[in-house]
Amino acid sequence: MAQLVLLRHGESQWNLENRFTGWVDVPLSPKGEQEARAAGEKLKSVRFDVAYTSVLKRAIDTLRIVLEVTGQTNVPTEQDKALNERMYGELQGLNKIETMQQYGEQQVKIWRRSYDVRPPGGESLKDTAERVLPYYERRIRPDILAGRNVIVAAHGNSLRALVMHLDRLTREQVLELNIPTGAPLLYEFDDAGTVKDRRYL
């Protein structure tokens, strides 16, 4: 039975500062590093065959810390921008409270929580899913079908897109979905690649 762990990176410096981060390559905060170590402790019983991450250092460093804590630093790892966070365009770097004051709370909520409305110059969740899911089908799902244990260290919105697919959520349901930082989400699959169980560790 293959296992898939989805792990949102630990708290980043801009998560701490309440800024829209997107594709800006900001580091983990000290708390984020602690969250990654704690995730590693929870994952010590899982032996990974392969790892995937975005090309952003907050996800790369989270994965590195987890593999160090679990004693699995030799796991083959692939980095791909298909797993990057949603690109927030002109909102990147802006404080979320200040953005609400500038554009209005309702407009910012639409940008953040709608499925297919893009922020200025950025991606919607739909756009994010349209790069995450083909990558999952092409690269990650074959590992699962081969019975391999996989860890994916990525971001709130790229993982929301993937969870929407795995859990068969509607567009309305995914709007309420929040993936916490540093909390491993474990999926177990049968030999046919069907999800048999899912739980946070």
N, C-alpha and C. Protein backbone atom coordinates (compact mmCIF):
# COMPACT_ATOMS: atom_id res chain seq x y z
N MET A 1 0.85 -1.20 0.00
CA MET A 1 0.00 0.00 0.00
C MET A 1 0.88 1.25 0.00
N ALA A 2 0.78 2.05 -1.05
CA ALA A 2 1.60 3.25 -1.17
C ALA A 2 1.08 4.35 -0.24
N GLN A 3 2.00 5.16 0.22
CA GLN A 3 1.65 6.30 1.06
C GLN A 3 2.13 7.58 0.40
N LEU A 4 1.32 8.63 0.51
CA LEU A 4 1.65 9.95 0.00
C LEU A 4 1.50 10.94 1.14
N VAL A 5 2.57 11.67 1.43
CA VAL A 5 2.51 12.73 2.45
C VAL A 5 2.56 14.08 1.75
N LEU A 6 1.56 14.89 2.01
CA LEU A 6 1.54 16.28 1.54
C LEU A 6 1.91 17.17 2.71
N LEU A 7 2.89 18.04 2.51
CA LEU A 7 3.38 18.88 3.60
C LEU A 7 3.53 20.32 3.11
N ARG A 8 2.71 21.19 3.67
CA ARG A 8 2.92 22.61 3.42
C ARG A 8 4.15 23.05 4.20
N HIS A 9 4.98 23.86 3.57
CA HIS A 9 6.19 24.36 4.23
C HIS A 9 5.87 24.97 5.59
N GLY A 10 6.87 25.03 6.46
CA GLY A 10 6.71 25.73 7.73
C GLY A 10 6.49 27.22 7.51
N GLU A 11 6.12 27.89 8.56
CA GLU A 11 5.85 29.33 8.48
C GLU A 11 7.04 30.06 7.82
N SER A 12 6.74 30.90 6.83
CA SER A 12 7.79 31.70 6.21
C SER A 12 7.86 33.07 6.88
N GLN A 13 8.92 33.79 6.55
CA GLN A 13 9.06 35.13 7.12
C GLN A 13 7.89 36.03 6.74
N TRP A 14 7.39 35.88 5.51
CA TRP A 14 6.26 36.71 5.08
C TRP A 14 4.93 36.18 5.60
N ASN A 15 4.81 34.88 5.89
CA ASN A 15 3.62 34.42 6.63
C ASN A 15 3.57 35.15 7.96
N LEU A 16 4.72 35.23 8.61
CA LEU A 16 4.83 35.90 9.90
C LEU A 16 4.44 37.37 9.80
N GLU A 17 4.83 38.01 8.70
CA GLU A 17 4.56 39.43 8.49
C GLU A 17 3.21 39.68 7.82
N ASN A 18 2.43 38.61 7.59
CA ASN A 18 1.09 38.69 7.00
C ASN A 18 1.11 39.31 5.61
N ARG A 19 2.10 38.91 4.80
CA ARG A 19 2.23 39.42 3.43
C ARG A 19 1.84 38.35 2.42
N PHE A 20 1.34 38.80 1.26
CA PHE A 20 1.15 37.90 0.13
C PHE A 20 2.52 37.51 -0.41
N THR A 21 2.78 36.22 -0.46
CA THR A 21 4.12 35.75 -0.81
C THR A 21 4.21 35.28 -2.26
N GLY A 22 3.35 34.33 -2.64
CA GLY A 22 3.37 33.84 -4.01
C GLY A 22 4.72 33.26 -4.41
N TRP A 23 5.28 33.78 -5.50
CA TRP A 23 6.53 33.24 -6.03
C TRP A 23 7.77 33.93 -5.48
N VAL A 24 7.58 34.90 -4.58
CA VAL A 24 8.75 35.54 -3.97
C VAL A 24 9.45 34.51 -3.08
N ASP A 25 10.77 34.43 -3.21
CA ASP A 25 11.51 33.33 -2.58
C ASP A 25 11.98 33.70 -1.18
N VAL A 26 11.04 33.75 -0.26
CA VAL A 26 11.37 34.15 1.11
C VAL A 26 11.72 32.92 1.95
N PRO A 27 12.55 33.10 2.99
CA PRO A 27 12.97 31.96 3.81
C PRO A 27 11.94 31.59 4.87
N LEU A 28 12.17 30.44 5.49
CA LEU A 28 11.40 30.07 6.67
C LEU A 28 11.71 31.02 7.81
N SER A 29 10.72 31.24 8.66
CA SER A 29 10.96 31.94 9.92
C SER A 29 11.53 30.93 10.92
N PRO A 30 12.08 31.38 12.05
CA PRO A 30 12.52 30.41 13.08
C PRO A 30 11.40 29.45 13.49
N LYS A 31 10.17 29.97 13.60
CA LYS A 31 9.04 29.09 13.92
C LYS A 31 8.82 28.08 12.81
N GLY A 32 9.00 28.51 11.55
CA GLY A 32 8.84 27.60 10.41
C GLY A 32 9.83 26.46 10.44
N GLU A 33 11.07 26.77 10.84
CA GLU A 33 12.08 25.72 10.97
C GLU A 33 11.69 24.73 12.06
N GLN A 34 11.13 25.25 13.16
CA GLN A 34 10.66 24.37 14.24
C GLN A 34 9.51 23.50 13.76
N GLU A 35 8.59 24.08 12.96
CA GLU A 35 7.46 23.30 12.43
C GLU A 35 7.96 22.17 11.53
N ALA A 36 8.99 22.46 10.73
CA ALA A 36 9.55 21.43 9.86
C ALA A 36 10.17 20.30 10.68
N ARG A 37 10.89 20.66 11.75
CA ARG A 37 11.48 19.64 12.62
C ARG A 37 10.38 18.80 13.28
N ALA A 38 9.33 19.46 13.73
CA ALA A 38 8.22 18.73 14.36
C ALA A 38 7.55 17.79 13.36
N ALA A 39 7.42 18.24 12.11
CA ALA A 39 6.85 17.37 11.07
C ALA A 39 7.74 16.15 10.87
N GLY A 40 9.05 16.38 10.86
CA GLY A 40 9.99 15.26 10.72
C GLY A 40 9.82 14.24 11.83
N GLU A 41 9.63 14.71 13.05
CA GLU A 41 9.42 13.79 14.18
C GLU A 41 8.18 12.93 13.95
N LYS A 42 7.12 13.54 13.40
CA LYS A 42 5.88 12.80 13.16
C LYS A 42 6.02 11.80 12.02
N LEU A 43 7.03 12.00 11.17
CA LEU A 43 7.17 11.17 9.97
C LEU A 43 8.27 10.12 10.10
N LYS A 44 8.80 9.95 11.29
CA LYS A 44 9.91 9.00 11.46
C LYS A 44 9.53 7.56 11.13
N SER A 45 8.26 7.24 11.19
CA SER A 45 7.83 5.85 10.91
C SER A 45 7.60 5.60 9.43
N VAL A 46 7.67 6.66 8.60
CA VAL A 46 7.40 6.49 7.16
C VAL A 46 8.74 6.50 6.41
N ARG A 47 8.97 5.46 5.59
CA ARG A 47 10.18 5.40 4.77
C ARG A 47 9.83 5.87 3.36
N PHE A 48 10.45 6.95 2.93
CA PHE A 48 10.13 7.52 1.63
C PHE A 48 11.04 6.96 0.53
N ASP A 49 10.42 6.74 -0.63
CA ASP A 49 11.17 6.30 -1.80
C ASP A 49 11.55 7.45 -2.71
N VAL A 50 10.74 8.51 -2.68
CA VAL A 50 10.98 9.64 -3.57
C VAL A 50 10.33 10.89 -2.95
N ALA A 51 10.91 12.05 -3.27
CA ALA A 51 10.40 13.32 -2.72
C ALA A 51 10.26 14.33 -3.85
N TYR A 52 9.25 15.18 -3.72
CA TYR A 52 9.01 16.25 -4.69
C TYR A 52 8.84 17.56 -3.93
N THR A 53 9.33 18.64 -4.54
CA THR A 53 9.16 19.95 -3.93
C THR A 53 9.11 21.01 -5.02
N SER A 54 8.65 22.19 -4.64
CA SER A 54 8.69 23.33 -5.56
C SER A 54 10.13 23.81 -5.69
N VAL A 55 10.32 24.89 -6.42
CA VAL A 55 11.67 25.45 -6.55
C VAL A 55 11.89 26.60 -5.57
N LEU A 56 10.96 26.79 -4.64
CA LEU A 56 11.06 27.89 -3.67
C LEU A 56 11.67 27.38 -2.36
N LYS A 57 12.59 28.17 -1.81
CA LYS A 57 13.41 27.66 -0.71
C LYS A 57 12.63 27.36 0.56
N ARG A 58 11.50 27.98 0.78
CA ARG A 58 10.74 27.65 1.99
C ARG A 58 10.24 26.21 1.94
N ALA A 59 9.89 25.72 0.74
CA ALA A 59 9.49 24.31 0.60
C ALA A 59 10.71 23.40 0.57
N ILE A 60 11.76 23.82 -0.16
CA ILE A 60 12.99 23.02 -0.24
C ILE A 60 13.59 22.82 1.15
N ASP A 61 13.66 23.91 1.94
CA ASP A 61 14.25 23.82 3.28
C ASP A 61 13.39 22.99 4.22
N THR A 62 12.06 23.09 4.08
CA THR A 62 11.17 22.26 4.90
C THR A 62 11.43 20.79 4.62
N LEU A 63 11.51 20.44 3.34
CA LEU A 63 11.78 19.05 2.97
C LEU A 63 13.15 18.60 3.49
N ARG A 64 14.15 19.45 3.33
CA ARG A 64 15.50 19.10 3.79
C ARG A 64 15.51 18.79 5.28
N ILE A 65 14.86 19.65 6.07
CA ILE A 65 14.82 19.46 7.52
C ILE A 65 14.10 18.15 7.87
N VAL A 66 12.96 17.89 7.20
CA VAL A 66 12.21 16.66 7.46
C VAL A 66 13.06 15.44 7.16
N LEU A 67 13.76 15.45 6.03
CA LEU A 67 14.57 14.28 5.66
C LEU A 67 15.77 14.12 6.59
N GLU A 68 16.31 15.23 7.09
CA GLU A 68 17.39 15.13 8.08
C GLU A 68 16.88 14.52 9.38
N VAL A 69 15.74 14.99 9.85
CA VAL A 69 15.19 14.50 11.12
C VAL A 69 14.83 13.02 11.03
N THR A 70 14.33 12.60 9.85
CA THR A 70 13.93 11.19 9.70
C THR A 70 15.09 10.30 9.27
N GLY A 71 16.28 10.89 9.07
CA GLY A 71 17.44 10.10 8.67
C GLY A 71 17.36 9.56 7.26
N GLN A 72 16.73 10.34 6.37
CA GLN A 72 16.52 9.88 4.99
C GLN A 72 17.07 10.88 3.97
N THR A 73 18.26 11.39 4.21
CA THR A 73 18.81 12.44 3.35
C THR A 73 19.20 11.95 1.96
N ASN A 74 19.16 10.64 1.74
CA ASN A 74 19.52 10.10 0.43
C ASN A 74 18.31 9.85 -0.47
N VAL A 75 17.12 10.30 -0.07
CA VAL A 75 15.92 10.08 -0.88
C VAL A 75 16.02 10.89 -2.18
N PRO A 76 15.80 10.27 -3.34
CA PRO A 76 15.81 11.02 -4.60
C PRO A 76 14.76 12.12 -4.57
N THR A 77 15.17 13.33 -4.97
CA THR A 77 14.29 14.49 -4.86
C THR A 77 14.22 15.23 -6.19
N GLU A 78 13.00 15.61 -6.55
CA GLU A 78 12.79 16.40 -7.78
C GLU A 78 12.15 17.73 -7.41
N GLN A 79 12.72 18.81 -7.93
CA GLN A 79 12.16 20.15 -7.74
C GLN A 79 11.51 20.59 -9.04
N ASP A 80 10.31 21.18 -8.95
CA ASP A 80 9.64 21.66 -10.16
C ASP A 80 8.75 22.85 -9.83
N LYS A 81 8.79 23.85 -10.70
CA LYS A 81 7.98 25.05 -10.46
C LYS A 81 6.48 24.78 -10.61
N ALA A 82 6.11 23.62 -11.17
CA ALA A 82 4.69 23.25 -11.23
C ALA A 82 4.08 23.18 -9.84
N LEU A 83 4.93 22.92 -8.82
CA LEU A 83 4.44 22.81 -7.44
C LEU A 83 4.55 24.13 -6.67
N ASN A 84 4.98 25.19 -7.36
CA ASN A 84 5.11 26.49 -6.68
C ASN A 84 3.78 26.97 -6.14
N GLU A 85 3.88 27.90 -5.20
CA GLU A 85 2.70 28.57 -4.67
C GLU A 85 1.97 29.30 -5.81
N ARG A 86 0.72 29.57 -5.58
CA ARG A 86 -0.04 30.43 -6.50
C ARG A 86 0.67 31.77 -6.65
N MET A 87 0.74 32.26 -7.88
CA MET A 87 1.39 33.55 -8.14
C MET A 87 0.38 34.66 -7.88
N TYR A 88 0.71 35.53 -6.94
CA TYR A 88 -0.25 36.57 -6.53
C TYR A 88 -0.09 37.89 -7.27
N GLY A 89 0.80 37.94 -8.28
CA GLY A 89 0.88 39.13 -9.12
C GLY A 89 1.19 40.39 -8.35
N GLU A 90 0.38 41.42 -8.59
CA GLU A 90 0.64 42.74 -7.98
C GLU A 90 0.46 42.75 -6.46
N LEU A 91 -0.16 41.70 -5.93
CA LEU A 91 -0.36 41.65 -4.47
C LEU A 91 0.89 41.14 -3.73
N GLN A 92 1.83 40.53 -4.46
CA GLN A 92 3.00 39.93 -3.81
C GLN A 92 3.80 40.99 -3.05
N GLY A 93 4.08 40.68 -1.79
CA GLY A 93 4.83 41.60 -0.93
C GLY A 93 3.97 42.55 -0.13
N LEU A 94 2.69 42.64 -0.49
CA LEU A 94 1.80 43.56 0.23
C LEU A 94 1.28 42.92 1.51
N ASN A 95 1.18 43.74 2.55
CA ASN A 95 0.56 43.29 3.80
C ASN A 95 -0.94 43.08 3.55
N LYS A 96 -1.48 41.98 4.06
CA LYS A 96 -2.87 41.63 3.76
C LYS A 96 -3.87 42.64 4.33
N ILE A 97 -3.57 43.19 5.51
CA ILE A 97 -4.46 44.19 6.10
C ILE A 97 -4.44 45.47 5.26
N GLU A 98 -3.24 45.90 4.86
CA GLU A 98 -3.13 47.10 4.03
C GLU A 98 -3.80 46.90 2.68
N THR A 99 -3.71 45.68 2.15
CA THR A 99 -4.35 45.38 0.87
C THR A 99 -5.86 45.50 0.98
N MET A 100 -6.43 45.05 2.10
CA MET A 100 -7.87 45.19 2.33
C MET A 100 -8.26 46.66 2.43
N GLN A 101 -7.41 47.45 3.07
CA GLN A 101 -7.70 48.88 3.19
C GLN A 101 -7.67 49.56 1.82
N GLN A 102 -6.79 49.09 0.94
CA GLN A 102 -6.64 49.69 -0.38
C GLN A 102 -7.74 49.26 -1.34
N TYR A 103 -8.03 47.94 -1.37
CA TYR A 103 -8.96 47.40 -2.37
C TYR A 103 -10.34 47.07 -1.81
N GLY A 104 -10.46 47.02 -0.49
CA GLY A 104 -11.71 46.62 0.14
C GLY A 104 -11.67 45.16 0.55
N GLU A 105 -12.22 44.88 1.72
CA GLU A 105 -12.16 43.53 2.28
C GLU A 105 -12.83 42.51 1.38
N GLN A 106 -13.98 42.88 0.79
CA GLN A 106 -14.72 41.93 -0.04
C GLN A 106 -13.93 41.56 -1.30
N GLN A 107 -13.28 42.56 -1.93
CA GLN A 107 -12.50 42.27 -3.13
C GLN A 107 -11.31 41.36 -2.82
N VAL A 108 -10.64 41.63 -1.71
CA VAL A 108 -9.49 40.80 -1.35
C VAL A 108 -9.94 39.38 -1.04
N LYS A 109 -11.09 39.25 -0.38
CA LYS A 109 -11.61 37.90 -0.09
C LYS A 109 -11.91 37.15 -1.39
N ILE A 110 -12.46 37.84 -2.38
CA ILE A 110 -12.74 37.21 -3.68
C ILE A 110 -11.44 36.74 -4.31
N TRP A 111 -10.42 37.60 -4.31
CA TRP A 111 -9.13 37.19 -4.89
C TRP A 111 -8.55 35.99 -4.16
N ARG A 112 -8.65 35.98 -2.83
CA ARG A 112 -8.01 34.91 -2.06
C ARG A 112 -8.81 33.62 -2.09
N ARG A 113 -10.14 33.70 -2.11
CA ARG A 113 -10.95 32.52 -1.85
C ARG A 113 -11.82 32.06 -3.02
N SER A 114 -11.92 32.85 -4.09
CA SER A 114 -12.69 32.36 -5.23
C SER A 114 -11.87 31.29 -5.96
N TYR A 115 -12.53 30.54 -6.81
CA TYR A 115 -11.83 29.47 -7.53
C TYR A 115 -11.16 29.99 -8.79
N ASP A 116 -11.82 30.89 -9.50
CA ASP A 116 -11.32 31.24 -10.83
C ASP A 116 -11.16 32.75 -11.08
N VAL A 117 -11.16 33.56 -10.02
CA VAL A 117 -10.91 35.00 -10.18
C VAL A 117 -9.45 35.28 -9.86
N ARG A 118 -8.75 35.89 -10.81
CA ARG A 118 -7.32 36.18 -10.63
C ARG A 118 -7.11 37.52 -9.95
N PRO A 119 -6.15 37.62 -9.03
CA PRO A 119 -5.72 38.94 -8.57
C PRO A 119 -4.97 39.63 -9.72
N PRO A 120 -4.79 40.94 -9.66
CA PRO A 120 -4.14 41.65 -10.77
C PRO A 120 -2.76 41.07 -11.09
N GLY A 121 -2.60 40.59 -12.31
CA GLY A 121 -1.30 40.05 -12.74
C GLY A 121 -0.95 38.69 -12.18
N GLY A 122 -1.91 38.02 -11.51
CA GLY A 122 -1.60 36.76 -10.83
C GLY A 122 -2.43 35.59 -11.31
N GLU A 123 -2.40 34.51 -10.53
CA GLU A 123 -3.10 33.28 -10.85
C GLU A 123 -4.31 33.08 -9.93
N SER A 124 -5.35 32.47 -10.47
CA SER A 124 -6.45 31.97 -9.64
C SER A 124 -6.08 30.57 -9.14
N LEU A 125 -6.89 30.04 -8.24
CA LEU A 125 -6.68 28.65 -7.80
C LEU A 125 -6.86 27.70 -8.98
N LYS A 126 -7.78 28.02 -9.87
CA LYS A 126 -7.98 27.22 -11.09
C LYS A 126 -6.70 27.18 -11.92
N ASP A 127 -6.06 28.34 -12.10
CA ASP A 127 -4.79 28.38 -12.85
C ASP A 127 -3.73 27.52 -12.17
N THR A 128 -3.68 27.60 -10.84
CA THR A 128 -2.69 26.82 -10.09
C THR A 128 -2.95 25.32 -10.29
N ALA A 129 -4.22 24.92 -10.21
CA ALA A 129 -4.57 23.51 -10.42
C ALA A 129 -4.19 23.04 -11.82
N GLU A 130 -4.27 23.93 -12.80
CA GLU A 130 -3.99 23.54 -14.18
C GLU A 130 -2.50 23.27 -14.43
N ARG A 131 -1.62 23.66 -13.49
CA ARG A 131 -0.23 23.23 -13.61
C ARG A 131 0.14 22.14 -12.60
N VAL A 132 -0.52 22.15 -11.44
CA VAL A 132 -0.22 21.14 -10.41
C VAL A 132 -0.72 19.75 -10.83
N LEU A 133 -1.95 19.67 -11.31
CA LEU A 133 -2.55 18.35 -11.54
C LEU A 133 -1.93 17.59 -12.71
N PRO A 134 -1.60 18.23 -13.84
CA PRO A 134 -0.89 17.48 -14.88
C PRO A 134 0.47 16.97 -14.38
N TYR A 135 1.15 17.76 -13.57
CA TYR A 135 2.43 17.31 -13.01
C TYR A 135 2.22 16.11 -12.09
N TYR A 136 1.18 16.17 -11.26
CA TYR A 136 0.86 15.04 -10.38
C TYR A 136 0.60 13.78 -11.21
N GLU A 137 -0.21 13.90 -12.25
CA GLU A 137 -0.55 12.73 -13.07
C GLU A 137 0.68 12.18 -13.80
N ARG A 138 1.55 13.07 -14.23
CA ARG A 138 2.72 12.67 -15.03
C ARG A 138 3.86 12.13 -14.18
N ARG A 139 4.10 12.72 -13.01
CA ARG A 139 5.30 12.40 -12.23
C ARG A 139 4.99 11.64 -10.93
N ILE A 140 3.98 12.08 -10.18
CA ILE A 140 3.78 11.55 -8.83
C ILE A 140 2.88 10.32 -8.82
N ARG A 141 1.78 10.37 -9.54
CA ARG A 141 0.85 9.22 -9.54
C ARG A 141 1.52 7.91 -10.00
N PRO A 142 2.40 7.94 -11.01
CA PRO A 142 3.07 6.67 -11.37
C PRO A 142 3.88 6.06 -10.21
N ASP A 143 4.46 6.91 -9.36
CA ASP A 143 5.16 6.39 -8.17
C ASP A 143 4.17 5.69 -7.25
N ILE A 144 3.01 6.31 -7.05
CA ILE A 144 2.00 5.71 -6.17
C ILE A 144 1.54 4.36 -6.73
N LEU A 145 1.28 4.33 -8.04
CA LEU A 145 0.83 3.08 -8.66
C LEU A 145 1.89 1.99 -8.59
N ALA A 146 3.16 2.41 -8.50
CA ALA A 146 4.26 1.44 -8.37
C ALA A 146 4.50 1.03 -6.92
N GLY A 147 3.66 1.55 -6.00
CA GLY A 147 3.76 1.16 -4.59
C GLY A 147 4.81 1.93 -3.80
N ARG A 148 5.29 3.05 -4.35
CA ARG A 148 6.32 3.84 -3.66
C ARG A 148 5.68 4.80 -2.65
N ASN A 149 6.43 5.10 -1.59
CA ASN A 149 6.03 6.11 -0.62
C ASN A 149 6.62 7.45 -1.05
N VAL A 150 5.76 8.47 -1.10
CA VAL A 150 6.13 9.77 -1.67
C VAL A 150 5.86 10.87 -0.66
N ILE A 151 6.75 11.87 -0.61
CA ILE A 151 6.47 13.10 0.13
C ILE A 151 6.53 14.26 -0.84
N VAL A 152 5.55 15.15 -0.73
CA VAL A 152 5.49 16.37 -1.53
C VAL A 152 5.50 17.56 -0.58
N ALA A 153 6.57 18.35 -0.63
CA ALA A 153 6.65 19.57 0.18
C ALA A 153 6.35 20.75 -0.73
N ALA A 154 5.27 21.44 -0.45
CA ALA A 154 4.85 22.50 -1.36
C ALA A 154 4.17 23.63 -0.57
N HIS A 155 3.06 24.15 -1.08
CA HIS A 155 2.51 25.41 -0.59
C HIS A 155 1.00 25.32 -0.39
N GLY A 156 0.47 26.30 0.31
CA GLY A 156 -0.95 26.28 0.65
C GLY A 156 -1.86 26.05 -0.55
N ASN A 157 -1.64 26.82 -1.62
CA ASN A 157 -2.56 26.73 -2.76
C ASN A 157 -2.23 25.60 -3.72
N SER A 158 -0.96 25.30 -3.92
CA SER A 158 -0.66 24.15 -4.79
C SER A 158 -1.16 22.86 -4.13
N LEU A 159 -1.07 22.78 -2.81
CA LEU A 159 -1.59 21.60 -2.11
C LEU A 159 -3.12 21.61 -2.03
N ARG A 160 -3.73 22.78 -1.95
CA ARG A 160 -5.20 22.84 -1.99
C ARG A 160 -5.70 22.26 -3.31
N ALA A 161 -5.02 22.61 -4.40
CA ALA A 161 -5.41 22.09 -5.71
C ALA A 161 -5.30 20.57 -5.74
N LEU A 162 -4.24 20.04 -5.14
CA LEU A 162 -4.03 18.59 -5.14
C LEU A 162 -5.03 17.89 -4.23
N VAL A 163 -5.29 18.45 -3.07
CA VAL A 163 -6.27 17.87 -2.14
C VAL A 163 -7.68 17.91 -2.76
N MET A 164 -7.98 18.99 -3.47
CA MET A 164 -9.27 19.08 -4.15
C MET A 164 -9.46 17.89 -5.09
N HIS A 165 -8.39 17.54 -5.81
CA HIS A 165 -8.43 16.42 -6.74
C HIS A 165 -8.53 15.08 -5.99
N LEU A 166 -7.69 14.87 -5.00
CA LEU A 166 -7.65 13.59 -4.28
C LEU A 166 -8.93 13.35 -3.49
N ASP A 167 -9.48 14.41 -2.90
CA ASP A 167 -10.68 14.28 -2.05
C ASP A 167 -11.97 14.50 -2.83
N ARG A 168 -11.84 14.77 -4.13
CA ARG A 168 -13.00 15.01 -4.99
C ARG A 168 -13.90 16.13 -4.44
N LEU A 169 -13.26 17.24 -4.08
CA LEU A 169 -14.00 18.37 -3.55
C LEU A 169 -14.60 19.19 -4.69
N THR A 170 -15.73 19.81 -4.42
CA THR A 170 -16.31 20.74 -5.39
C THR A 170 -15.58 22.08 -5.30
N ARG A 171 -15.84 22.94 -6.29
CA ARG A 171 -15.27 24.29 -6.25
C ARG A 171 -15.67 25.02 -4.98
N GLU A 172 -16.91 24.79 -4.54
CA GLU A 172 -17.39 25.46 -3.32
C GLU A 172 -16.68 24.92 -2.09
N GLN A 173 -16.50 23.61 -2.04
CA GLN A 173 -15.86 23.00 -0.87
C GLN A 173 -14.40 23.43 -0.73
N VAL A 174 -13.70 23.54 -1.86
CA VAL A 174 -12.27 23.87 -1.78
C VAL A 174 -12.05 25.30 -1.29
N LEU A 175 -13.04 26.15 -1.44
CA LEU A 175 -12.89 27.54 -0.98
C LEU A 175 -12.74 27.61 0.54
N GLU A 176 -13.29 26.63 1.24
CA GLU A 176 -13.21 26.60 2.71
C GLU A 176 -12.00 25.81 3.20
N LEU A 177 -11.26 25.21 2.27
CA LEU A 177 -10.15 24.35 2.65
C LEU A 177 -8.91 25.18 2.99
N ASN A 178 -8.34 24.92 4.15
CA ASN A 178 -7.10 25.57 4.54
C ASN A 178 -6.09 24.48 4.92
N ILE A 179 -4.89 24.57 4.37
CA ILE A 179 -3.84 23.61 4.67
C ILE A 179 -2.89 24.27 5.67
N PRO A 180 -2.79 23.77 6.90
CA PRO A 180 -1.91 24.41 7.89
C PRO A 180 -0.43 24.19 7.58
N THR A 181 0.41 25.12 8.02
CA THR A 181 1.85 25.00 7.81
C THR A 181 2.41 23.87 8.69
N GLY A 182 3.31 23.09 8.10
CA GLY A 182 4.06 22.10 8.86
C GLY A 182 3.28 20.92 9.40
N ALA A 183 2.09 20.67 8.86
CA ALA A 183 1.24 19.57 9.35
C ALA A 183 1.17 18.48 8.29
N PRO A 184 1.83 17.33 8.47
CA PRO A 184 1.83 16.28 7.45
C PRO A 184 0.44 15.68 7.25
N LEU A 185 -0.01 15.65 5.99
CA LEU A 185 -1.28 15.04 5.62
C LEU A 185 -0.95 13.74 4.88
N LEU A 186 -1.34 12.61 5.48
CA LEU A 186 -0.98 11.29 4.97
C LEU A 186 -2.16 10.67 4.22
N TYR A 187 -1.90 10.26 2.98
CA TYR A 187 -2.85 9.48 2.19
C TYR A 187 -2.32 8.07 2.03
N GLU A 188 -3.23 7.10 2.11
CA GLU A 188 -2.88 5.71 1.84
C GLU A 188 -3.71 5.22 0.65
N PHE A 189 -3.05 4.54 -0.28
CA PHE A 189 -3.69 4.08 -1.51
C PHE A 189 -3.67 2.57 -1.59
N ASP A 190 -4.68 2.01 -2.26
CA ASP A 190 -4.63 0.58 -2.55
C ASP A 190 -3.82 0.36 -3.83
N ASP A 191 -3.72 -0.89 -4.26
CA ASP A 191 -2.88 -1.22 -5.41
C ASP A 191 -3.39 -0.59 -6.71
N ALA A 192 -4.66 -0.23 -6.74
CA ALA A 192 -5.24 0.39 -7.94
C ALA A 192 -5.07 1.91 -7.93
N GLY A 193 -4.45 2.43 -6.85
CA GLY A 193 -4.24 3.87 -6.77
C GLY A 193 -5.44 4.64 -6.23
N THR A 194 -6.36 3.93 -5.58
CA THR A 194 -7.53 4.57 -4.97
C THR A 194 -7.22 4.94 -3.53
N VAL A 195 -7.64 6.14 -3.13
CA VAL A 195 -7.41 6.58 -1.75
C VAL A 195 -8.23 5.73 -0.80
N LYS A 196 -7.55 5.11 0.18
CA LYS A 196 -8.23 4.28 1.18
C LYS A 196 -8.34 4.98 2.52
N ASP A 197 -7.43 5.92 2.78
CA ASP A 197 -7.44 6.62 4.06
C ASP A 197 -6.67 7.92 3.92
N ARG A 198 -7.05 8.91 4.72
CA ARG A 198 -6.32 10.17 4.77
C ARG A 198 -6.40 10.72 6.19
N ARG A 199 -5.33 11.26 6.69
CA ARG A 199 -5.37 11.83 8.05
C ARG A 199 -4.14 12.72 8.25
N TYR A 200 -4.33 13.71 9.11
CA TYR A 200 -3.19 14.52 9.54
C TYR A 200 -2.46 13.77 10.64
N LEU A 201 -1.15 13.81 10.59
CA LEU A 201 -0.34 13.16 11.61
C LEU A 201 -0.04 14.14 12.73
